[in-house]
PDB file of N, CA and C in Angstrom:
ATOM      1  N   MET A   1      17.644  46.786-117.441  1.00  0.00           N
ATOM      2  CA  MET A   1      17.671  45.891-116.282  1.00  0.00           C
ATOM      3  C   MET A   1      18.961  44.973-115.258  1.00  0.00           C
ATOM      4  N   ARG A   2      18.254  44.913-114.694  1.00  0.00           N
ATOM      5  CA  ARG A   2      18.584  44.777-113.201  1.00  0.00           C
ATOM      6  C   ARG A   2      19.602  43.947-112.961  1.00  0.00           C
ATOM      7  N   ARG A   3      20.970  43.252-111.907  1.00  0.00           N
ATOM      8  CA  ARG A   3      21.892  42.787-112.387  1.00  0.00           C
ATOM      9  C   ARG A   3      21.686  41.483-111.766  1.00  0.00           C
ATOM     10  N   TRP A   4      20.639  41.195-111.154  1.00  0.00           N
ATOM     11  CA  TRP A   4      20.056  39.498-110.525  1.00  0.00           C
ATOM     12  C   TRP A   4      20.026  38.894-112.435  1.00  0.00           C
ATOM     13  N   TYR A   5      18.860  39.590-112.941  1.00  0.00           N
ATOM     14  CA  TYR A   5      18.505  38.855-113.806  1.00  0.00           C
ATOM     15  C   TYR A   5      19.656  39.096-114.910  1.00  0.00           C
ATOM     16  N   ILE A   6      20.684  39.945-115.465  1.00  0.00           N
ATOM     17  CA  ILE A   6      21.756  39.052-116.187  1.00  0.00           C
ATOM     18  C   ILE A   6      22.704  38.006-115.423  1.00  0.00           C
ATOM     19  N   GLU A   7      22.667  38.221-114.398  1.00  0.00           N
ATOM     20  CA  GLU A   7      23.323  36.923-113.708  1.00  0.00           C
ATOM     21  C   GLU A   7      22.419  35.902-113.811  1.00  0.00           C
ATOM     22  N   LEU A   8      21.281  35.293-113.710  1.00  0.00           N
ATOM     23  CA  LEU A   8      20.779  34.539-114.042  1.00  0.00           C
ATOM     24  C   LEU A   8      20.206  34.316-115.208  1.00  0.00           C
ATOM     25  N   HIS A   9      19.949  35.002-115.529  1.00  0.00           N
ATOM     26  CA  HIS A   9      19.762  34.762-117.566  1.00  0.00           C
ATOM     27  C   HIS A   9      21.370  34.312-118.845  1.00  0.00           C
ATOM     28  N   GLY A  10      21.926  35.193-117.618  1.00  0.00           N
ATOM     29  CA  GLY A  10      23.501  35.469-118.729  1.00  0.00           C
ATOM     30  C   GLY A  10      24.920  35.150-118.588  1.00  0.00           C
ATOM     31  N   ILE A  11      24.840  35.300-117.097  1.00  0.00           N
ATOM     32  CA  ILE A  11      26.248  34.863-116.959  1.00  0.00           C
ATOM     33  C   ILE A  11      26.262  33.201-116.451  1.00  0.00           C
ATOM     34  N   GLU A  12      25.417  32.183-115.589  1.00  0.00           N
ATOM     35  CA  GLU A  12      25.264  31.226-114.931  1.00  0.00           C
ATOM     36  C   GLU A  12      24.941  30.047-116.460  1.00  0.00           C
ATOM     37  N   PRO A  13      24.012  30.756-117.469  1.00  0.00           N
ATOM     38  CA  PRO A  13      24.235  29.350-119.227  1.00  0.00           C
ATOM     39  C   PRO A  13      25.695  29.589-119.438  1.00  0.00           C
ATOM     40  N   PHE A  14      26.032  30.718-119.661  1.00  0.00           N
ATOM     41  CA  PHE A  14      27.244  31.195-120.797  1.00  0.00           C
ATOM     42  C   PHE A  14      28.402  30.331-119.662  1.00  0.00           C
ATOM     43  N   ALA A  15      28.580  30.830-118.441  1.00  0.00           N
ATOM     44  CA  ALA A  15      29.873  29.838-118.031  1.00  0.00           C
ATOM     45  C   ALA A  15      29.393  28.236-118.093  1.00  0.00           C
ATOM     46  N   ALA A  16      28.016  27.664-118.168  1.00  0.00           N
ATOM     47  CA  ALA A  16      27.392  26.105-118.123  1.00  0.00           C
ATOM     48  C   ALA A  16      27.716  25.966-119.337  1.00  0.00           C
ATOM     49  N   ALA A  17      27.536  26.705-120.652  1.00  0.00           N
ATOM     50  CA  ALA A  17      27.746  25.885-121.788  1.00  0.00           C
ATOM     51  C   ALA A  17      29.677  25.687-122.170  1.00  0.00           C
ATOM     52  N   ARG A  18      30.448  27.271-121.391  1.00  0.00           N
ATOM     53  CA  ARG A  18      31.615  26.722-121.630  1.00  0.00           C
ATOM     54  C   ARG A  18      32.254  25.184-120.685  1.00  0.00           C
ATOM     55  N   ALA A  19      31.621  25.248-119.977  1.00  0.00           N
ATOM     56  CA  ALA A  19      32.014  23.601-119.498  1.00  0.00           C
ATOM     57  C   ALA A  19      31.229  22.230-119.778  1.00  0.00           C
ATOM     58  N   GLY A  20      30.438  22.859-120.609  1.00  0.00           N
ATOM     59  CA  GLY A  20      30.254  21.825-121.971  1.00  0.00           C
ATOM     60  C   GLY A  20      28.557  21.919-121.826  1.00  0.00           C
ATOM     61  N   ASP A  21      27.777  22.012-121.146  1.00  0.00           N
ATOM     62  CA  ASP A  21      26.346  21.964-120.824  1.00  0.00           C
ATOM     63  C   ASP A  21      25.653  23.117-121.326  1.00  0.00           C
ATOM     64  N   PHE A  22      24.960  22.510-122.410  1.00  0.00           N
ATOM     65  CA  PHE A  22      24.613  23.474-123.476  1.00  0.00           C
ATOM     66  C   PHE A  22      23.232  23.456-123.655  1.00  0.00           C
ATOM     67  N   ASP A  23      22.853  22.775-122.745  1.00  0.00           N
ATOM     68  CA  ASP A  23      21.099  22.984-122.033  1.00  0.00           C
ATOM     69  C   ASP A  23      21.138  24.606-121.070  1.00  0.00           C
ATOM     70  N   ALA A  24      21.928  24.544-120.328  1.00  0.00           N
ATOM     71  CA  ALA A  24      20.834  25.935-119.564  1.00  0.00           C
ATOM     72  C   ALA A  24      21.335  27.411-120.549  1.00  0.00           C
ATOM     73  N   LEU A  25      22.473  26.922-121.695  1.00  0.00           N
ATOM     74  CA  LEU A  25      22.766  27.977-121.817  1.00  0.00           C
ATOM     75  C   LEU A  25      21.108  28.391-123.451  1.00  0.00           C
ATOM     76  N   VAL A  26      20.920  27.518-124.373  1.00  0.00           N
ATOM     77  CA  VAL A  26      19.676  27.147-124.399  1.00  0.00           C
ATOM     78  C   VAL A  26      18.504  27.476-124.001  1.00  0.00           C
ATOM     79  N   GLU A  27      18.049  27.176-122.590  1.00  0.00           N
ATOM     80  CA  GLU A  27      17.431  27.578-122.164  1.00  0.00           C
ATOM     81  C   GLU A  27      16.881  29.381-122.197  1.00  0.00           C
ATOM     82  N   VAL A  28      18.017  29.627-122.356  1.00  0.00           N
ATOM     83  CA  VAL A  28      17.682  31.555-122.261  1.00  0.00           C
ATOM     84  C   VAL A  28      17.541  32.240-123.351  1.00  0.00           C
ATOM     85  N   LEU A  29      18.130  31.372-124.262  1.00  0.00           N
ATOM     86  CA  LEU A  29      18.352  32.100-125.752  1.00  0.00           C
ATOM     87  C   LEU A  29      16.530  31.792-126.289  1.00  0.00           C
ATOM     88  N   ASP A  30      16.047  32.542-127.690  1.00  0.00           N
ATOM     89  CA  ASP A  30      15.154  32.540-128.325  1.00  0.00           C
ATOM     90  C   ASP A  30      15.652  31.452-129.288  1.00  0.00           C
ATOM     91  N   PRO A  31      14.231  30.597-129.790  1.00  0.00           N
ATOM     92  CA  PRO A  31      15.294  29.540-130.625  1.00  0.00           C
ATOM     93  C   PRO A  31      15.628  30.272-131.866  1.00  0.00           C
ATOM     94  N   ASP A  32      15.583  31.811-132.381  1.00  0.00           N
ATOM     95  CA  ASP A  32      15.792  32.182-133.764  1.00  0.00           C
ATOM     96  C   ASP A  32      17.014  33.240-133.205  1.00  0.00           C
ATOM     97  N   VAL A  33      17.376  33.211-132.009  1.00  0.00           N
ATOM     98  CA  VAL A  33      18.259  33.817-131.644  1.00  0.00           C
ATOM     99  C   VAL A  33      19.348  34.414-132.749  1.00  0.00           C
ATOM    100  N   VAL A  34      19.957  35.399-132.735  1.00  0.00           N
ATOM    101  CA  VAL A  34      21.353  35.740-134.011  1.00  0.00           C
ATOM    102  C   VAL A  34      22.297  36.484-133.000  1.00  0.00           C
ATOM    103  N   ALA A  35      23.402  36.225-133.804  1.00  0.00           N
ATOM    104  CA  ALA A  35      24.763  36.456-132.960  1.00  0.00           C
ATOM    105  C   ALA A  35      25.933  37.122-133.481  1.00  0.00           C
ATOM    106  N   ARG A  36      26.472  37.639-133.361  1.00  0.00           N
ATOM    107  CA  ARG A  36      26.416  38.921-134.334  1.00  0.00           C
ATOM    108  C   ARG A  36      28.102  39.721-133.624  1.00  0.00           C
ATOM    109  N   ASP A  37      29.085  39.599-134.946  1.00  0.00           N
ATOM    110  CA  ASP A  37      30.085  40.396-134.138  1.00  0.00           C
ATOM    111  C   ASP A  37      30.670  41.438-134.918  1.00  0.00           C
ATOM    112  N   ASP A  38      31.825  42.386-134.988  1.00  0.00           N
ATOM    113  CA  ASP A  38      32.301  43.525-135.082  1.00  0.00           C
ATOM    114  C   ASP A  38      32.808  42.951-135.901  1.00  0.00           C
ATOM    115  N   GLY A  39      33.748  41.792-136.088  1.00  0.00           N
ATOM    116  CA  GLY A  39      34.324  41.119-137.516  1.00  0.00           C
ATOM    117  C   GLY A  39      35.903  41.453-136.671  1.00  0.00           C
ATOM    118  N   PHE A  40      36.790  42.633-136.145  1.00  0.00           N
ATOM    119  CA  PHE A  40      38.183  42.833-135.722  1.00  0.00           C
ATOM    120  C   PHE A  40      38.717  42.422-136.212  1.00  0.00           C
ATOM    121  N   GLY A  41      39.749  42.380-137.302  1.00  0.00           N
ATOM    122  CA  GLY A  41      40.866  41.794-137.499  1.00  0.00           C
ATOM    123  C   GLY A  41      40.403  40.334-138.558  1.00  0.00           C
ATOM    124  N   ARG A  42      39.030  40.232-137.964  1.00  0.00           N
ATOM    125  CA  ARG A  42      38.563  38.603-138.850  1.00  0.00           C
ATOM    126  C   ARG A  42      37.245  38.519-139.587  1.00  0.00           C
ATOM    127  N   ARG A  43      37.087  37.916-140.397  1.00  0.00           N
ATOM    128  CA  ARG A  43      35.474  37.657-140.963  1.00  0.00           C
ATOM    129  C   ARG A  43      34.595  38.033-139.879  1.00  0.00           C
ATOM    130  N   PRO A  44      33.642  39.058-140.342  1.00  0.00           N
ATOM    131  CA  PRO A  44      32.640  39.163-139.111  1.00  0.00           C
ATOM    132  C   PRO A  44      32.096  37.448-138.801  1.00  0.00           C
ATOM    133  N   VAL A  45      31.258  37.371-137.138  1.00  0.00           N
ATOM    134  CA  VAL A  45      30.286  36.293-137.079  1.00  0.00           C
ATOM    135  C   VAL A  45      28.569  36.538-137.257  1.00  0.00           C
ATOM    136  N   HIS A  46      28.338  35.635-137.994  1.00  0.00           N
ATOM    137  CA  HIS A  46      26.754  36.395-138.336  1.00  0.00           C
ATOM    138  C   HIS A  46      26.104  34.494-138.108  1.00  0.00           C
ATOM    139  N   ILE A  47      25.489  33.920-137.111  1.00  0.00           N
ATOM    140  CA  ILE A  47      25.060  33.058-136.516  1.00  0.00           C
ATOM    141  C   ILE A  47      23.406  33.131-135.966  1.00  0.00           C
ATOM    142  N   HIS A  48      23.183  31.996-136.232  1.00  0.00           N
ATOM    143  CA  HIS A  48      21.659  31.839-136.180  1.00  0.00           C
ATOM    144  C   HIS A  48      21.285  30.473-135.874  1.00  0.00           C
ATOM    145  N   GLY A  49      19.904  30.713-134.820  1.00  0.00           N
ATOM    146  CA  GLY A  49      20.094  29.321-133.801  1.00  0.00           C
ATOM    147  C   GLY A  49      20.151  29.553-132.581  1.00  0.00           C
ATOM    148  N   ALA A  50      19.384  28.454-131.959  1.00  0.00           N
ATOM    149  CA  ALA A  50      19.790  28.374-130.529  1.00  0.00           C
ATOM    150  C   ALA A  50      21.290  26.949-130.324  1.00  0.00           C
ATOM    151  N   GLN A  51      20.525  26.232-130.638  1.00  0.00           N
ATOM    152  CA  GLN A  51      22.279  25.076-130.811  1.00  0.00           C
ATOM    153  C   GLN A  51      23.113  25.988-131.512  1.00  0.00           C
ATOM    154  N   ALA A  52      23.234  26.612-132.339  1.00  0.00           N
ATOM    155  CA  ALA A  52      24.278  26.842-133.186  1.00  0.00           C
ATOM    156  C   ALA A  52      25.231  28.180-131.915  1.00  0.00           C
ATOM    157  N   VAL A  53      24.659  28.927-131.339  1.00  0.00           N
ATOM    158  CA  VAL A  53      24.928  29.823-130.679  1.00  0.00           C
ATOM    159  C   VAL A  53      25.516  29.545-129.762  1.00  0.00           C
ATOM    160  N   ALA A  54      25.147  27.964-129.114  1.00  0.00           N
ATOM    161  CA  ALA A  54      25.572  27.668-128.142  1.00  0.00           C
ATOM    162  C   ALA A  54      26.798  26.854-127.836  1.00  0.00           C
ATOM    163  N   LYS A  55      26.974  26.527-128.721  1.00  0.00           N
ATOM    164  CA  LYS A  55      28.071  26.335-129.020  1.00  0.00           C
ATOM    165  C   LYS A  55      29.080  27.133-129.698  1.00  0.00           C
ATOM    166  N   LEU A  56      28.951  27.892-130.009  1.00  0.00           N
ATOM    167  CA  LEU A  56      30.055  29.098-130.174  1.00  0.00           C
ATOM    168  C   LEU A  56      30.784  29.446-128.598  1.00  0.00           C
ATOM    169  N   ALA A  57      29.358  29.348-127.246  1.00  0.00           N
ATOM    170  CA  ALA A  57      29.541  29.914-126.230  1.00  0.00           C
ATOM    171  C   ALA A  57      31.020  28.882-125.776  1.00  0.00           C
ATOM    172  N   ARG A  58      31.191  28.014-126.239  1.00  0.00           N
ATOM    173  CA  ARG A  58      32.128  27.401-125.902  1.00  0.00           C
ATOM    174  C   ARG A  58      33.931  27.730-125.632  1.00  0.00           C
ATOM    175  N   GLY A  59      34.122  28.512-125.563  1.00  0.00           N
ATOM    176  CA  GLY A  59      35.067  29.877-125.382  1.00  0.00           C
ATOM    177  C   GLY A  59      36.023  29.433-125.116  1.00  0.00           C
ATOM    178  N   GLY A  60      37.802  29.733-124.632  1.00  0.00           N
ATOM    179  CA  GLY A  60      38.796  28.993-123.984  1.00  0.00           C
ATOM    180  C   GLY A  60      38.886  29.084-122.904  1.00  0.00           C
ATOM    181  N   ARG A  61      39.986  28.713-122.407  1.00  0.00           N
ATOM    182  CA  ARG A  61      40.409  28.251-121.225  1.00  0.00           C
ATOM    183  C   ARG A  61      40.413  29.176-120.235  1.00  0.00           C
ATOM    184  N   GLY A  62      40.240  29.697-119.039  1.00  0.00           N
ATOM    185  CA  GLY A  62      40.702  30.751-118.225  1.00  0.00           C
ATOM    186  C   GLY A  62      39.634  31.768-119.041  1.00  0.00           C
ATOM    187  N   ALA A  63      39.009  31.852-119.385  1.00  0.00           N
ATOM    188  CA  ALA A  63      37.518  32.816-119.359  1.00  0.00           C
ATOM    189  C   ALA A  63      36.644  32.973-118.327  1.00  0.00           C
ATOM    190  N   GLN A  64      36.705  34.259-117.840  1.00  0.00           N
ATOM    191  CA  GLN A  64      35.632  34.163-116.968  1.00  0.00           C
ATOM    192  C   GLN A  64      34.618  35.630-117.537  1.00  0.00           C
ATOM    193  N   LEU A  65      33.611  35.806-116.943  1.00  0.00           N
ATOM    194  CA  LEU A  65      32.737  36.453-117.173  1.00  0.00           C
ATOM    195  C   LEU A  65      32.323  37.625-116.615  1.00  0.00           C
ATOM    196  N   HIS A  66      32.201  38.829-116.855  1.00  0.00           N
ATOM    197  CA  HIS A  66      31.495  39.718-115.800  1.00  0.00           C
ATOM    198  C   HIS A  66      30.523  40.283-116.295  1.00  0.00           C
ATOM    199  N   PRO A  67      28.938  40.150-115.036  1.00  0.00           N
ATOM    200  CA  PRO A  67      28.216  41.046-115.941  1.00  0.00           C
ATOM    201  C   PRO A  67      27.977  42.443-115.533  1.00  0.00           C
ATOM    202  N   VAL A  68      27.973  43.119-116.984  1.00  0.00           N
ATOM    203  CA  VAL A  68      27.804  44.911-117.323  1.00  0.00           C
ATOM    204  C   VAL A  68      26.416  44.877-117.834  1.00  0.00           C
ATOM    205  N   LEU A  69      26.653  46.346-117.565  1.00  0.00           N
ATOM    206  CA  LEU A  69      25.412  47.083-118.488  1.00  0.00           C
ATOM    207  C   LEU A  69      26.116  47.748-119.154  1.00  0.00           C
ATOM    208  N   VAL A  70      25.618  48.076-120.991  1.00  0.00           N
ATOM    209  CA  VAL A  70      26.497  48.352-122.129  1.00  0.00           C
ATOM    210  C   VAL A  70      25.236  49.352-122.809  1.00  0.00           C
ATOM    211  N   ASN A  71      25.913  50.561-122.295  1.00  0.00           N
ATOM    212  CA  ASN A  71      24.750  51.554-122.598  1.00  0.00           C
ATOM    213  C   ASN A  71      23.253  51.288-121.745  1.00  0.00           C
ATOM    214  N   GLY A  72      23.133  50.483-120.343  1.00  0.00           N
ATOM    215  CA  GLY A  72      21.910  50.507-120.111  1.00  0.00           C
ATOM    216  C   GLY A  72      21.433  49.097-120.586  1.00  0.00           C
ATOM    217  N   THR A  73      22.083  48.297-121.596  1.00  0.00           N
ATOM    218  CA  THR A  73      21.817  47.334-121.949  1.00  0.00           C
ATOM    219  C   THR A  73      22.659  45.972-121.566  1.00  0.00           C
ATOM    220  N   PRO A  74      21.670  44.831-120.440  1.00  0.00           N
ATOM    221  CA  PRO A  74      22.391  43.653-120.021  1.00  0.00           C
ATOM    222  C   PRO A  74      23.348  42.947-121.042  1.00  0.00           C
ATOM    223  N   GLY A  75      24.917  43.069-120.179  1.00  0.00           N
ATOM    224  CA  GLY A  75      26.241  42.456-121.073  1.00  0.00           C
ATOM    225  C   GLY A  75      26.535  41.338-120.311  1.00  0.00           C
ATOM    226  N   VAL A  76      28.268  41.023-121.132  1.00  0.00           N
ATOM    227  CA  VAL A  76      29.459  40.789-120.013  1.00  0.00           C
ATOM    228  C   VAL A  76      30.586  41.484-121.032  1.00  0.00           C
ATOM    229  N   VAL A  77      31.469  41.152-119.791  1.00  0.00           N
ATOM    230  CA  VAL A  77      32.350  41.405-120.867  1.00  0.00           C
ATOM    231  C   VAL A  77      33.424  40.498-120.377  1.00  0.00           C
ATOM    232  N   ILE A  78      33.913  39.401-121.366  1.00  0.00           N
ATOM    233  CA  ILE A  78      35.135  38.453-121.312  1.00  0.00           C
ATOM    234  C   ILE A  78      36.285  38.354-120.733  1.00  0.00           C
ATOM    235  N   THR A  79      37.170  37.991-119.984  1.00  0.00           N
ATOM    236  CA  THR A  79      38.202  38.815-119.518  1.00  0.00           C
ATOM    237  C   THR A  79      38.908  36.738-119.482  1.00  0.00           C
ATOM    238  N   ARG A  80      40.243  37.152-120.240  1.00  0.00           N
ATOM    239  CA  ARG A  80      41.618  35.919-120.321  1.00  0.00           C
ATOM    240  C   ARG A  80      42.543  37.009-119.144  1.00  0.00           C
ATOM    241  N   GLU A  81      43.073  35.678-117.927  1.00  0.00           N
ATOM    242  CA  GLU A  81      44.336  36.240-117.612  1.00  0.00           C
ATOM    243  C   GLU A  81      43.807  38.494-116.799  1.00  0.00           C
ATOM    244  N   GLY A  82      43.062  38.069-116.389  1.00  0.00           N
ATOM    245  CA  GLY A  82      42.359  39.410-116.110  1.00  0.00           C
ATOM    246  C   GLY A  82      42.331  40.380-117.042  1.00  0.00           C
ATOM    247  N   ARG A  83      42.627  40.326-118.357  1.00  0.00           N
ATOM    248  CA  ARG A  83      42.278  41.406-119.526  1.00  0.00           C
ATOM    249  C   ARG A  83      40.868  41.243-120.031  1.00  0.00           C
ATOM    250  N   PRO A  84      40.472  42.236-120.279  1.00  0.00           N
ATOM    251  CA  PRO A  84      39.255  41.922-121.136  1.00  0.00           C
ATOM    252  C   PRO A  84      39.238  41.583-122.862  1.00  0.00           C
ATOM    253  N   PHE A  85      39.049  40.846-123.120  1.00  0.00           N
ATOM    254  CA  PHE A  85      39.535  40.679-124.562  1.00  0.00           C
ATOM    255  C   PHE A  85      38.003  41.239-125.314  1.00  0.00           C
ATOM    256  N   VAL A  86      36.122  40.187-124.612  1.00  0.00           N
ATOM    257  CA  VAL A  86      35.729  40.610-125.925  1.00  0.00           C
ATOM    258  C   VAL A  86      34.227  40.998-124.715  1.00  0.00           C
ATOM    259  N   VAL A  87      33.810  41.650-125.174  1.00  0.00           N
ATOM    260  CA  VAL A  87      32.365  42.064-124.622  1.00  0.00           C
ATOM    261  C   VAL A  87      31.164  41.554-125.605  1.00  0.00           C
ATOM    262  N   LEU A  88      29.833  40.702-124.847  1.00  0.00           N
ATOM    263  CA  LEU A  88      28.780  40.360-125.526  1.00  0.00           C
ATOM    264  C   LEU A  88      27.470  41.276-124.931  1.00  0.00           C
ATOM    265  N   VAL A  89      26.678  41.696-125.533  1.00  0.00           N
ATOM    266  CA  VAL A  89      25.679  42.860-125.428  1.00  0.00           C
ATOM    267  C   VAL A  89      24.186  41.720-126.007  1.00  0.00           C
ATOM    268  N   PHE A  90      23.357  41.904-124.880  1.00  0.00           N
ATOM    269  CA  PHE A  90      22.266  40.809-125.422  1.00  0.00           C
ATOM    270  C   PHE A  90      20.854  41.562-125.301  1.00  0.00           C
ATOM    271  N   THR A  91      20.400  41.720-126.216  1.00  0.00           N
ATOM    272  CA  THR A  91      19.161  42.153-126.318  1.00  0.00           C
ATOM    273  C   THR A  91      18.103  40.504-125.866  1.00  0.00           C
ATOM    274  N   VAL A  92      17.473  41.552-124.932  1.00  0.00           N
ATOM    275  CA  VAL A  92      16.504  40.213-124.425  1.00  0.00           C
ATOM    276  C   VAL A  92      14.923  40.659-124.920  1.00  0.00           C
ATOM    277  N   ALA A  93      13.676  39.804-125.074  1.00  0.00           N
ATOM    278  CA  ALA A  93      12.472  39.750-125.252  1.00  0.00           C
ATOM    279  C   ALA A  93      12.039  39.186-124.353  1.00  0.00           C
ATOM    280  N   SER A  94      10.872  38.988-124.421  1.00  0.00           N
ATOM    281  CA  SER A  94       9.582  38.206-123.102  1.00  0.00           C
ATOM    282  C   SER A  94      10.928  37.032-122.887  1.00  0.00           C
ATOM    283  N   GLY A  95      12.089  37.511-121.740  1.00  0.00           N
ATOM    284  CA  GLY A  95      12.352  36.541-121.138  1.00  0.00           C
ATOM    285  C   GLY A  95      13.731  35.758-121.662  1.00  0.00           C
ATOM    286  N   LYS A  96      13.617  36.109-123.179  1.00  0.00           N
ATOM    287  CA  LYS A  96      14.899  35.286-123.741  1.00  0.00           C
ATOM    288  C   LYS A  96      15.891  36.307-124.483  1.00  0.00           C
ATOM    289  N   ILE A  97      17.049  36.037-124.650  1.00  0.00           N
ATOM    290  CA  ILE A  97      18.245  36.778-125.711  1.00  0.00           C
ATOM    291  C   ILE A  97      17.937  36.348-127.171  1.00  0.00           C
ATOM    292  N   VAL A  98      17.284  37.319-127.185  1.00  0.00           N
ATOM    293  CA  VAL A  98      17.046  37.518-129.133  1.00  0.00           C
ATOM    294  C   VAL A  98      18.022  37.414-130.043  1.00  0.00           C
ATOM    295  N   GLU A  99      19.105  38.315-129.345  1.00  0.00           N
ATOM    296  CA  GLU A  99      19.922  39.153-129.924  1.00  0.00           C
ATOM    297  C   GLU A  99      21.442  38.965-129.223  1.00  0.00           C
ATOM    298  N   ILE A 100      22.723  38.059-129.638  1.00  0.00           N
ATOM    299  CA  ILE A 100      23.956  38.787-129.100  1.00  0.00           C
ATOM    300  C   ILE A 100      24.540  39.657-130.000  1.00  0.00           C
ATOM    301  N   GLN A 101      25.447  40.660-129.605  1.00  0.00           N
ATOM    302  CA  GLN A 101      26.064  41.331-130.477  1.00  0.00           C
ATOM    303  C   GLN A 101      27.907  41.594-129.699  1.00  0.00           C
ATOM    304  N   GLY A 102      28.416  40.565-130.543  1.00  0.00           N
ATOM    305  CA  GLY A 102      29.823  40.654-130.263  1.00  0.00           C
ATOM    306  C   GLY A 102      30.514  41.987-130.205  1.00  0.00           C
ATOM    307  N   ILE A 103      31.732  42.120-129.152  1.00  0.00           N
ATOM    308  CA  ILE A 103      32.384  43.131-129.527  1.00  0.00           C
ATOM    309  C   ILE A 103      33.870  42.795-129.583  1.00  0.00           C
ATOM    310  N   ARG A 104      34.437  42.908-130.358  1.00  0.00           N
ATOM    311  CA  ARG A 104      36.175  42.637-130.664  1.00  0.00           C
ATOM    312  C   ARG A 104      36.853  43.870-130.497  1.00  0.00           C
ATOM    313  N   ASN A 105      37.041  44.681-131.191  1.00  0.00           N
ATOM    314  CA  ASN A 105      37.659  45.555-131.195  1.00  0.00           C
ATOM    315  C   ASN A 105      38.004  46.111-129.723  1.00  0.00           C
ATOM    316  N   PRO A 106      39.766  46.089-129.947  1.00  0.00           N
ATOM    317  CA  PRO A 106      40.471  46.146-128.254  1.00  0.00           C
ATOM    318  C   PRO A 106      39.893  47.036-127.900  1.00  0.00           C
ATOM    319  N   ASP A 107      40.164  48.846-128.716  1.00  0.00           N
ATOM    320  CA  ASP A 107      40.040  49.649-127.930  1.00  0.00           C
ATOM    321  C   ASP A 107      38.605  50.103-127.692  1.00  0.00           C
ATOM    322  N   ARG A 108      37.128  49.588-128.106  1.00  0.00           N
ATOM    323  CA  ARG A 108      36.003  49.664-127.471  1.00  0.00           C
ATOM    324  C   ARG A 108      35.474  48.494-126.279  1.00  0.00           C
ATOM    325  N   VAL A 109      36.155  47.353-126.503  1.00  0.00           N
ATOM    326  CA  VAL A 109      36.474  46.923-125.399  1.00  0.00           C
ATOM    327  C   VAL A 109      37.381  47.288-124.031  1.00  0.00           C
ATOM    328  N   ARG A 110      38.085  48.080-124.346  1.00  0.00           N
ATOM    329  CA  ARG A 110      38.878  48.622-122.921  1.00  0.00           C
ATOM    330  C   ARG A 110      38.214  49.655-122.409  1.00  0.00           C
ATOM    331  N   ARG A 111      37.622  50.251-123.470  1.00  0.00           N
ATOM    332  CA  ARG A 111      36.767  51.491-122.769  1.00  0.00           C
ATOM    333  C   ARG A 111      34.926  51.192-122.091  1.00  0.00           C
ATOM    334  N   ILE A 112      34.946  50.187-122.132  1.00  0.00           N
ATOM    335  CA  ILE A 112      33.689  49.258-122.865  1.00  0.00           C
ATOM    336  C   ILE A 112      34.109  48.867-120.422  1.00  0.00           C
ATOM    337  N   ALA A 113      34.759  47.672-120.424  1.00  0.00           N
ATOM    338  CA  ALA A 113      35.219  47.132-119.646  1.00  0.00           C
ATOM    339  C   ALA A 113      35.754  48.533-118.451  1.00  0.00           C
ATOM    340  N   ALA A 114      37.019  48.942-119.616  1.00  0.00           N
ATOM    341  CA  ALA A 114      37.108  50.227-117.790  1.00  0.00           C
ATOM    342  C   ALA A 114      35.490  50.980-117.912  1.00  0.00           C
ATOM    343  N   ALA A 115      34.649  51.166-118.365  1.00  0.00           N
ATOM    344  CA  ALA A 115      33.670  52.390-117.742  1.00  0.00           C
ATOM    345  C   ALA A 115      33.016  50.862-116.506  1.00  0.00           C
ATOM    346  N   ALA A 116      32.725  49.748-116.491  1.00  0.00           N
ATOM    347  CA  ALA A 116      31.531  48.853-116.732  1.00  0.00           C
ATOM    348  C   ALA A 116      31.932  48.323-115.266  1.00  0.00           C
ATOM    349  N   LEU A 117      33.662  48.049-115.561  1.00  0.00           N
ATOM    350  CA  LEU A 117      34.597  46.800-114.408  1.00  0.00           C
ATOM    351  C   LEU A 117      35.222  47.637-113.352  1.00  0.00           C
ATOM    352  N   PRO A 118      34.320  47.351-111.966  1.00  0.00           N
ATOM    353  CA  PRO A 118      35.298  47.975-111.052  1.00  0.00           C
ATOM    354  C   PRO A 118      36.778  47.688-111.170  1.00  0.00           C
ATOM    355  N   ALA A 119      37.789  48.483-110.595  1.00  0.00           N
ATOM    356  CA  ALA A 119      39.094  48.815-110.830  1.00  0.00           C
ATOM    357  C   ALA A 119      39.540  47.762-109.564  1.00  0.00           C
ATOM    358  N   GLU A 120      40.712  47.400-110.533  1.00  0.00           N
ATOM    359  CA  GLU A 120      41.469  46.497-109.680  1.00  0.00           C
ATOM    360  C   GLU A 120      42.686  47.014-108.818  1.00  0.00           C
TER     361      GLU A 120
END
């Protein structure tokens, strides 16, 4: 997946959703999108449907999204105060995000971020 595609179809809509513009995110989500996470340290998330997933994207203040490829799959590393805290990996089909896999395990997040983000 080319970096421009990630920026066009992943980053801007998620940033807009965090600011409250859910329509921008819903445009790139398949109506039946599924979002899951590894549940590290808490109950695993399993959310179905574009509207519900868009509402989930309302992350905390100061979060920054960085486009990455995770094993060749488009995604984002989300950082707070410069530190990675979650990775989202997107499955894309027919131009829509059909699945989002969240990774919260701190060791996995650090490994992915170290491999995918430029060194500061």
